């Protein structure tokens, strides 16, 4: 069975909030975040 994936472009607060909300709604979802800087926001 294929795994569904969500790709988030941008690791700032908005991107990480979207990823966190998606994971809460769909725990089985694989989430991939792309961020160009070496830092991401952990405040989601």
Protein backbone atom coordinates (compact mmCIF):
# COMPACT_ATOMS: atom_id res chain seq x y z
CA UNK A 1 0.00 0.00 0.00
CA UNK A 2 1.30 3.46 -0.92
CA UNK A 3 2.01 5.96 1.84
CA UNK A 4 0.44 9.38 1.45
CA UNK A 5 2.85 12.27 1.80
CA UNK A 6 2.48 15.96 2.47
CA UNK A 7 5.26 18.24 1.26
CA UNK A 8 5.59 21.58 3.04
CA UNK A 9 7.76 24.24 1.43
CA UNK A 10 9.05 26.60 4.10
CA UNK A 11 10.02 25.79 7.66
CA UNK A 12 8.89 29.06 9.19
CA UNK A 13 6.05 29.30 11.71
CA UNK A 14 3.29 29.02 9.10
CA UNK A 15 4.79 25.97 7.39
CA UNK A 16 5.47 24.15 10.64
CA UNK A 17 2.00 24.99 11.97
CA UNK A 18 0.47 23.50 8.83
CA UNK A 19 2.62 20.37 9.20
CA UNK A 20 1.72 19.99 12.88
CA UNK A 21 -1.99 20.41 12.21
CA UNK A 22 -1.87 17.87 9.37
CA UNK A 23 -0.09 15.36 11.62
CA UNK A 24 -2.71 15.83 14.35
CA UNK A 25 -5.51 15.22 11.84
CA UNK A 26 -3.76 12.36 10.01
CA UNK A 27 -1.17 10.59 12.23
CA UNK A 28 -0.38 8.11 9.44
CA UNK A 29 0.63 10.88 7.00
CA UNK A 30 4.32 11.18 6.07
CA UNK A 31 5.34 14.85 6.19
CA UNK A 32 8.39 16.26 4.40
CA UNK A 33 9.47 19.87 5.03
CA UNK A 34 11.83 21.78 2.74
CA UNK A 35 13.61 24.81 4.16
CA UNK A 36 16.54 26.58 2.54
CA UNK A 37 18.04 28.07 5.70
CA UNK A 38 19.71 25.88 8.36
CA UNK A 39 17.03 26.82 10.95
CA UNK A 40 13.37 25.93 11.25
CA UNK A 41 10.68 27.12 13.63
CA UNK A 42 9.87 24.78 16.53
CA UNK A 43 7.11 27.02 17.88
CA UNK A 44 4.30 25.23 16.03
